[in-house]
């Protein structure tokens, strides 16, 4: 709000991102100090879904974990409580 700018991440080839979840960095001092996790689903045959990891401040892609063949990723993490 202060800088009147925004940051975003764009999908590749029309892939569809799912519900993002913010994970705060332990000991972080700013509200955006952490990462954003989002499942991304392919819209074209032959492409793999993946879990996207973005920097919470810059939205730069830090990593992605592709799903192995035959494994289906949930559309959302909402309501998934995993220890």
N, C-alpha and C. Protein backbone atom coordinates (compact mmCIF):
# COMPACT_ATOMS: atom_id res chain seq x y z
N UNK A 1 0.82 -1.19 0.00
CA UNK A 1 0.00 0.00 0.00
C UNK A 1 0.87 1.26 0.00
N UNK A 2 1.97 1.21 0.74
CA UNK A 2 2.82 2.40 0.82
C UNK A 2 3.43 2.76 -0.52
N UNK A 3 3.88 1.75 -1.27
CA UNK A 3 4.55 2.02 -2.55
C UNK A 3 3.60 2.01 -3.73
N UNK A 4 2.35 1.62 -3.51
CA UNK A 4 1.35 1.55 -4.57
C UNK A 4 1.79 0.65 -5.72
N UNK A 5 2.47 -0.44 -5.37
CA UNK A 5 2.89 -1.42 -6.37
C UNK A 5 2.38 -2.80 -5.94
N UNK A 6 2.44 -3.74 -6.85
CA UNK A 6 2.06 -5.11 -6.51
C UNK A 6 3.05 -6.07 -7.15
N UNK A 7 3.09 -7.27 -6.63
CA UNK A 7 3.92 -8.32 -7.20
C UNK A 7 3.02 -9.50 -7.54
N UNK A 8 3.41 -10.28 -8.53
CA UNK A 8 2.61 -11.42 -8.92
C UNK A 8 3.50 -12.48 -9.56
N UNK A 9 2.94 -13.66 -9.69
CA UNK A 9 3.59 -14.77 -10.38
C UNK A 9 2.63 -15.24 -11.46
N UNK A 10 3.15 -15.51 -12.63
CA UNK A 10 2.31 -15.97 -13.74
C UNK A 10 2.54 -17.46 -13.99
N UNK A 11 1.49 -18.14 -14.39
CA UNK A 11 1.58 -19.56 -14.71
C UNK A 11 2.18 -19.76 -16.09
N UNK A 12 2.58 -20.99 -16.34
CA UNK A 12 3.12 -21.35 -17.65
C UNK A 12 2.03 -22.04 -18.46
N UNK A 13 1.88 -21.69 -19.70
CA UNK A 13 0.96 -22.37 -20.61
C UNK A 13 -0.44 -22.56 -20.04
N UNK A 14 -0.93 -21.61 -19.26
CA UNK A 14 -2.29 -21.69 -18.76
C UNK A 14 -2.50 -22.61 -17.57
N UNK A 15 -1.42 -23.09 -16.94
CA UNK A 15 -1.58 -23.91 -15.74
C UNK A 15 -2.36 -23.14 -14.69
N UNK A 16 -3.08 -23.86 -13.84
CA UNK A 16 -3.95 -23.22 -12.86
C UNK A 16 -3.41 -23.37 -11.44
N UNK A 17 -3.05 -22.27 -10.78
CA UNK A 17 -2.62 -22.37 -9.38
C UNK A 17 -3.82 -22.61 -8.47
N UNK A 18 -3.58 -23.34 -7.39
CA UNK A 18 -4.61 -23.57 -6.38
C UNK A 18 -4.51 -22.55 -5.27
N UNK A 19 -5.18 -22.83 -4.17
CA UNK A 19 -5.21 -21.91 -3.03
C UNK A 19 -3.81 -21.75 -2.44
N UNK A 20 -3.27 -20.53 -2.38
CA UNK A 20 -1.95 -20.31 -1.78
C UNK A 20 -2.03 -20.30 -0.25
N UNK A 21 -0.94 -20.73 0.37
CA UNK A 21 -0.83 -20.73 1.82
C UNK A 21 0.48 -20.03 2.19
N UNK A 22 0.41 -19.06 3.09
CA UNK A 22 1.62 -18.36 3.56
C UNK A 22 2.18 -19.07 4.77
N UNK A 23 3.49 -19.34 4.75
CA UNK A 23 4.20 -19.96 5.87
C UNK A 23 5.22 -18.94 6.37
N UNK A 24 5.02 -18.42 7.57
CA UNK A 24 5.93 -17.42 8.13
C UNK A 24 7.27 -18.05 8.49
N UNK A 25 8.34 -17.28 8.28
CA UNK A 25 9.67 -17.74 8.68
C UNK A 25 9.77 -17.63 10.19
N UNK A 26 10.19 -18.70 10.88
CA UNK A 26 10.36 -18.60 12.33
C UNK A 26 11.33 -17.47 12.67
N UNK A 27 10.92 -16.61 13.56
CA UNK A 27 11.76 -15.47 13.94
C UNK A 27 11.69 -14.31 12.97
N UNK A 28 10.83 -14.39 11.97
CA UNK A 28 10.71 -13.31 10.99
C UNK A 28 10.25 -12.02 11.66
N UNK A 29 10.68 -10.90 11.10
CA UNK A 29 10.36 -9.61 11.70
C UNK A 29 9.38 -8.78 10.87
N UNK A 30 9.10 -9.21 9.64
CA UNK A 30 8.17 -8.47 8.79
C UNK A 30 7.01 -9.39 8.41
N UNK A 31 5.87 -8.80 8.10
CA UNK A 31 4.67 -9.61 7.85
C UNK A 31 4.79 -10.49 6.61
N UNK A 32 5.65 -10.15 5.66
CA UNK A 32 5.81 -10.96 4.46
C UNK A 32 7.10 -11.78 4.47
N UNK A 33 7.67 -11.97 5.64
CA UNK A 33 8.91 -12.73 5.80
C UNK A 33 8.56 -14.22 5.90
N UNK A 34 8.60 -14.89 4.76
CA UNK A 34 8.26 -16.31 4.72
C UNK A 34 8.11 -16.76 3.28
N UNK A 35 7.40 -17.87 3.09
CA UNK A 35 7.19 -18.40 1.75
C UNK A 35 5.70 -18.63 1.50
N UNK A 36 5.35 -18.69 0.25
CA UNK A 36 4.00 -19.00 -0.17
C UNK A 36 4.05 -20.34 -0.89
N UNK A 37 3.18 -21.26 -0.47
CA UNK A 37 3.06 -22.57 -1.12
C UNK A 37 1.76 -22.59 -1.89
N UNK A 38 1.81 -23.10 -3.12
CA UNK A 38 0.60 -23.21 -3.92
C UNK A 38 0.70 -24.42 -4.83
N UNK A 39 -0.33 -25.27 -4.83
CA UNK A 39 -0.34 -26.34 -5.83
C UNK A 39 -0.65 -25.71 -7.20
N UNK A 40 -0.04 -26.25 -8.25
CA UNK A 40 -0.30 -25.76 -9.60
C UNK A 40 -0.68 -26.96 -10.46
N UNK A 41 -1.79 -26.84 -11.17
CA UNK A 41 -2.35 -27.95 -11.93
C UNK A 41 -2.20 -27.70 -13.42
N UNK A 42 -1.74 -28.71 -14.15
CA UNK A 42 -1.59 -28.54 -15.59
C UNK A 42 -2.95 -28.51 -16.29
N UNK A 43 -3.02 -27.75 -17.36
CA UNK A 43 -4.25 -27.71 -18.15
C UNK A 43 -4.07 -28.40 -19.49
N UNK A 44 -2.85 -28.83 -19.79
CA UNK A 44 -2.57 -29.50 -21.06
C UNK A 44 -2.04 -30.91 -20.78
N UNK A 45 -2.43 -31.87 -21.61
CA UNK A 45 -1.94 -33.25 -21.44
C UNK A 45 -0.42 -33.32 -21.49
N UNK A 46 0.13 -34.22 -20.69
CA UNK A 46 1.57 -34.43 -20.70
C UNK A 46 2.36 -33.54 -19.75
N UNK A 47 1.72 -32.53 -19.19
CA UNK A 47 2.41 -31.65 -18.23
C UNK A 47 2.17 -32.17 -16.83
N UNK A 48 3.12 -31.93 -15.93
CA UNK A 48 3.01 -32.39 -14.55
C UNK A 48 2.52 -31.26 -13.64
N UNK A 49 1.75 -31.64 -12.62
CA UNK A 49 1.40 -30.69 -11.58
C UNK A 49 2.60 -30.51 -10.67
N UNK A 50 2.61 -29.43 -9.89
CA UNK A 50 3.73 -29.21 -8.99
C UNK A 50 3.32 -28.33 -7.81
N UNK A 51 4.11 -28.41 -6.76
CA UNK A 51 3.96 -27.52 -5.62
C UNK A 51 4.93 -26.37 -5.83
N UNK A 52 4.40 -25.17 -5.87
CA UNK A 52 5.19 -23.97 -6.12
C UNK A 52 5.58 -23.33 -4.79
N UNK A 53 6.83 -22.89 -4.67
CA UNK A 53 7.32 -22.19 -3.48
C UNK A 53 7.80 -20.81 -3.92
N UNK A 54 7.14 -19.77 -3.40
CA UNK A 54 7.48 -18.39 -3.73
C UNK A 54 8.00 -17.65 -2.52
N UNK A 55 8.90 -16.71 -2.73
CA UNK A 55 9.34 -15.81 -1.66
C UNK A 55 8.16 -14.92 -1.29
N UNK A 56 7.86 -14.80 -0.01
CA UNK A 56 6.70 -14.04 0.44
C UNK A 56 6.78 -12.56 0.15
N UNK A 57 7.95 -12.02 0.00
CA UNK A 57 8.11 -10.59 -0.23
C UNK A 57 8.15 -10.25 -1.72
N UNK A 58 8.94 -11.01 -2.49
CA UNK A 58 9.17 -10.67 -3.90
C UNK A 58 8.34 -11.48 -4.88
N UNK A 59 7.77 -12.59 -4.42
CA UNK A 59 7.03 -13.53 -5.27
C UNK A 59 7.93 -14.18 -6.32
N UNK A 60 9.23 -14.15 -6.10
CA UNK A 60 10.14 -14.87 -6.99
C UNK A 60 10.06 -16.35 -6.66
N UNK A 61 10.11 -17.16 -7.71
CA UNK A 61 10.04 -18.60 -7.51
C UNK A 61 11.32 -19.10 -6.85
N UNK A 62 11.17 -19.77 -5.71
CA UNK A 62 12.31 -20.34 -5.00
C UNK A 62 12.52 -21.80 -5.36
N UNK A 63 11.41 -22.52 -5.57
CA UNK A 63 11.51 -23.95 -5.87
C UNK A 63 10.17 -24.44 -6.38
N UNK A 64 10.21 -25.65 -6.92
CA UNK A 64 8.98 -26.36 -7.28
C UNK A 64 9.26 -27.85 -7.13
N UNK A 65 8.24 -28.56 -6.70
CA UNK A 65 8.34 -30.01 -6.54
C UNK A 65 7.28 -30.63 -7.45
N UNK A 66 7.72 -31.31 -8.49
CA UNK A 66 6.79 -31.93 -9.43
C UNK A 66 6.20 -33.20 -8.85
N UNK A 67 4.95 -33.45 -9.19
CA UNK A 67 4.30 -34.67 -8.73
C UNK A 67 4.77 -35.84 -9.59
N UNK A 68 5.04 -36.98 -8.96
CA UNK A 68 5.43 -38.17 -9.72
C UNK A 68 4.27 -38.66 -10.59
N UNK A 69 4.56 -39.41 -11.65
CA UNK A 69 3.49 -39.95 -12.49
C UNK A 69 2.51 -40.77 -11.66
N UNK A 70 1.22 -40.59 -11.90
CA UNK A 70 0.19 -41.34 -11.21
C UNK A 70 -0.23 -40.78 -9.87
N UNK A 71 0.45 -39.76 -9.38
CA UNK A 71 0.11 -39.15 -8.09
C UNK A 71 -0.74 -37.91 -8.35
N UNK A 72 -1.87 -37.83 -7.67
CA UNK A 72 -2.75 -36.67 -7.82
C UNK A 72 -2.60 -35.76 -6.61
N UNK A 73 -2.41 -34.49 -6.87
CA UNK A 73 -2.24 -33.51 -5.82
C UNK A 73 -3.61 -32.92 -5.47
N UNK A 74 -3.87 -32.65 -4.18
CA UNK A 74 -5.16 -32.04 -3.83
C UNK A 74 -5.27 -30.63 -4.39
N UNK A 75 -6.50 -30.22 -4.65
CA UNK A 75 -6.73 -28.88 -5.21
C UNK A 75 -6.37 -27.80 -4.20
N UNK A 76 -6.50 -28.10 -2.92
CA UNK A 76 -6.23 -27.11 -1.88
C UNK A 76 -5.62 -27.79 -0.66
N UNK A 77 -4.96 -27.00 0.16
CA UNK A 77 -4.45 -27.49 1.43
C UNK A 77 -5.45 -27.19 2.54
N UNK A 78 -6.51 -26.45 2.21
CA UNK A 78 -7.50 -26.02 3.18
C UNK A 78 -8.11 -27.23 3.89
N UNK A 79 -8.05 -27.24 5.19
CA UNK A 79 -8.61 -28.34 5.96
C UNK A 79 -7.71 -29.55 6.08
N UNK A 80 -6.50 -29.47 5.54
CA UNK A 80 -5.54 -30.57 5.65
C UNK A 80 -4.62 -30.28 6.83
N UNK A 81 -4.75 -31.08 7.88
CA UNK A 81 -3.92 -30.89 9.07
C UNK A 81 -2.94 -32.06 9.15
N UNK A 82 -1.69 -31.78 8.80
CA UNK A 82 -0.68 -32.82 8.73
C UNK A 82 0.42 -32.48 9.73
N UNK A 83 0.73 -33.38 10.67
CA UNK A 83 1.75 -33.07 11.68
C UNK A 83 3.13 -32.97 11.05
